[in-house]
Amino acid sequence: MIKALVLASQKNKHINQKLESSDWTRCEKGYKGLFKTKFGKWWGFCQKADNKNYRFYLFNPPKELRSHPHMGNFYYCGKNWYGVAFAKCPVGIEEGIRAIEGALRDAFEGKKPGHSQDVSISKRKDPSSKKISSEFKPRSGLKNKFMEVFHVST
């Protein structure tokens, strides 16, 4: 029992270190951070859906993504938040972040879906999550909205 707790603690510490190095940090309801590409940065959120899977959200996707075929893989949750429907759930948080950053890169570079992604994003909607709970909905100003939502101080 103690060995299992130590291993779980080490695993969480490893996940937190990896995510912190990529500007993603743990918050009360999951992880928050930035999806980053050479074209820009977008606020994101990830929450545990069940024992193995996470749900990912992107705030205010860029117009390049909105007009790209990948946009069919994002479902509107309200207040400029979009959930992501994966064809195959990412193995970990890092893999989900990489896949979404890949979709953002593809949109800016004009590449068609499925050319070289590690995790494919599905065309089907995620029926289990139509809306984000009200505590994840931003209220005013892009950065300020994110800061309010996740109770982050500057």
Protein backbone atom coordinates (compact mmCIF):
# COMPACT_ATOMS: atom_id res chain seq x y z
CA MET A 1 0.00 0.00 0.00
CA ILE A 2 2.74 2.48 0.95
CA LYS A 3 4.76 1.51 -2.12
CA ALA A 4 1.70 2.22 -4.32
CA LEU A 5 1.26 5.65 -2.71
CA VAL A 6 4.94 6.48 -3.22
CA LEU A 7 4.78 5.40 -6.88
CA ALA A 8 1.60 7.45 -7.44
CA SER A 9 3.24 10.44 -5.77
CA GLN A 10 6.34 10.09 -7.95
CA LYS A 11 4.18 9.80 -11.08
CA ASN A 12 2.24 12.97 -10.20
CA LYS A 13 5.50 14.79 -9.42
CA HIS A 14 6.88 13.73 -12.80
CA ILE A 15 3.70 14.89 -14.61
CA ASN A 16 3.73 18.22 -12.75
CA GLN A 17 7.43 18.82 -13.57
CA LYS A 18 6.87 18.06 -17.27
CA LEU A 19 3.80 20.27 -17.46
CA GLU A 20 5.36 23.16 -15.55
CA SER A 21 8.27 23.18 -17.98
CA SER A 22 5.72 23.62 -20.78
CA ASP A 23 3.69 26.39 -19.08
CA TRP A 24 0.94 24.00 -17.93
CA THR A 25 0.18 23.85 -14.24
CA ARG A 26 -2.17 21.96 -11.98
CA CYS A 27 -5.23 23.81 -10.74
CA GLU A 28 -8.22 22.82 -8.63
CA LYS A 29 -10.18 21.14 -11.45
CA GLY A 30 -7.37 19.90 -13.73
CA TYR A 31 -4.53 21.56 -15.63
CA LYS A 32 -4.35 24.99 -17.25
CA GLY A 33 -1.86 26.49 -19.62
CA LEU A 34 -1.02 27.59 -23.12
CA PHE A 35 -1.14 25.72 -26.39
CA LYS A 36 1.95 27.15 -28.09
CA THR A 37 3.11 27.21 -31.70
CA LYS A 38 5.41 29.52 -33.63
CA PHE A 39 2.21 31.29 -34.74
CA GLY A 40 0.96 32.20 -31.27
CA LYS A 41 -0.35 31.05 -27.90
CA TRP A 42 -3.88 30.09 -26.88
CA TRP A 43 -5.30 29.43 -23.42
CA GLY A 44 -6.28 25.89 -22.69
CA PHE A 45 -7.64 23.66 -19.99
CA CYS A 46 -7.56 19.93 -19.36
CA GLN A 47 -9.63 18.01 -16.85
CA LYS A 48 -9.78 14.35 -15.92
CA ALA A 49 -12.75 12.64 -17.56
CA ASP A 50 -12.27 9.23 -15.95
CA ASN A 51 -9.43 7.03 -14.64
CA LYS A 52 -7.50 7.08 -17.94
CA ASN A 53 -8.78 9.94 -20.06
CA TYR A 54 -8.71 13.72 -20.04
CA ARG A 55 -10.94 16.31 -21.70
CA PHE A 56 -9.20 19.19 -23.42
CA TYR A 57 -10.54 22.68 -24.08
CA LEU A 58 -9.26 25.54 -26.20
CA PHE A 59 -10.25 29.14 -25.54
CA ASN A 60 -11.05 31.43 -28.47
CA PRO A 61 -9.51 29.47 -31.38
CA PRO A 62 -7.80 31.59 -34.06
CA LYS A 63 -9.63 32.35 -37.33
CA GLU A 64 -7.17 30.11 -39.18
CA LEU A 65 -8.39 27.11 -37.20
CA ARG A 66 -12.04 28.15 -37.50
CA SER A 67 -11.78 27.95 -41.30
CA HIS A 68 -9.71 24.73 -41.35
CA PRO A 69 -11.05 21.14 -41.59
CA HIS A 70 -9.67 20.47 -38.06
CA MET A 71 -12.37 22.78 -36.68
CA GLY A 72 -14.85 19.93 -37.18
CA ASN A 73 -13.08 18.21 -34.29
CA PHE A 74 -13.88 20.99 -31.83
CA TYR A 75 -17.29 21.42 -30.25
CA TYR A 76 -18.58 24.69 -28.83
CA CYS A 77 -19.04 24.74 -25.05
CA GLY A 78 -20.04 28.39 -24.57
CA LYS A 79 -18.30 31.71 -23.93
CA ASN A 80 -15.59 31.01 -26.58
CA TRP A 81 -14.53 27.67 -25.05
CA TYR A 82 -14.23 24.71 -27.42
CA GLY A 83 -13.87 21.07 -26.40
CA VAL A 84 -11.77 18.65 -28.43
CA ALA A 85 -13.05 15.30 -29.72
CA PHE A 86 -10.19 12.82 -30.22
CA ALA A 87 -10.50 9.76 -32.48
CA LYS A 88 -8.18 7.98 -30.04
CA CYS A 89 -7.87 9.41 -26.54
CA PRO A 90 -4.36 10.67 -25.79
CA VAL A 91 -2.30 8.45 -23.49
CA GLY A 92 -1.34 11.43 -21.35
CA ILE A 93 -1.76 15.14 -20.96
CA GLU A 94 1.40 15.91 -22.94
CA GLU A 95 0.16 13.87 -25.91
CA GLY A 96 -3.16 15.75 -25.93
CA ILE A 97 -1.38 19.10 -25.79
CA ARG A 98 0.91 18.05 -28.67
CA ALA A 99 -2.07 16.96 -30.80
CA ILE A 100 -3.92 20.25 -30.31
CA GLU A 101 -0.77 22.26 -30.99
CA GLY A 102 -0.35 20.16 -34.16
CA ALA A 103 -3.89 21.02 -35.26
CA LEU A 104 -3.19 24.72 -34.66
CA ARG A 105 0.08 24.49 -36.65
CA ASP A 106 -1.68 22.66 -39.51
CA ALA A 107 -4.33 25.38 -39.67
CA PHE A 108 -1.74 28.16 -39.98
CA GLU A 109 0.39 26.21 -42.46
CA GLY A 110 -2.64 25.21 -44.54
CA LYS A 111 -1.95 21.47 -44.16
CA LYS A 112 -4.74 18.95 -44.49
CA PRO A 113 -5.73 16.88 -41.44
CA GLY A 114 -3.95 13.62 -40.65
CA HIS A 115 -0.60 14.27 -42.33
CA SER A 116 1.67 13.58 -39.35
CA GLN A 117 -0.09 13.81 -36.01
CA ASP A 118 0.73 11.48 -33.12
CA VAL A 119 -2.86 11.53 -31.91
CA SER A 120 -5.61 12.06 -34.43
CA ILE A 121 -8.46 14.36 -33.60
CA SER A 122 -11.85 12.87 -34.43
CA LYS A 123 -14.58 14.33 -36.62
CA ARG A 124 -17.25 13.10 -34.22
CA LYS A 125 -18.59 15.20 -31.39
CA ASP A 126 -18.01 14.28 -27.76
CA PRO A 127 -21.53 13.40 -26.55
CA SER A 128 -20.49 13.19 -22.90
CA SER A 129 -19.67 16.87 -22.56
CA LYS A 130 -21.91 19.42 -24.26
CA LYS A 131 -20.96 22.30 -21.97
CA ILE A 132 -18.21 23.25 -19.57
CA SER A 133 -19.41 23.88 -16.06
CA SER A 134 -20.04 27.55 -15.30
CA GLU A 135 -16.84 27.91 -13.28
CA PHE A 136 -14.83 27.41 -16.49
CA LYS A 137 -16.69 30.07 -18.46
CA PRO A 138 -14.77 33.34 -18.74
CA ARG A 139 -16.42 36.68 -18.10
CA SER A 140 -14.39 39.58 -19.61
CA GLY A 141 -11.15 40.33 -21.54
CA LEU A 142 -9.18 37.37 -23.03
CA LYS A 143 -6.31 37.10 -20.55
CA ASN A 144 -8.43 38.46 -17.70
CA LYS A 145 -11.13 35.91 -18.51
CA PHE A 146 -8.67 33.07 -18.19
CA MET A 147 -7.21 34.49 -14.98
CA GLU A 148 -10.70 34.82 -13.45
CA VAL A 149 -11.74 31.35 -14.52
CA PHE A 150 -8.75 29.62 -12.99
CA HIS A 151 -8.28 31.98 -10.04
CA VAL A 152 -4.76 32.88 -11.10
CA SER A 153 -3.10 35.98 -9.68
CA THR A 154 -0.68 37.98 -11.81
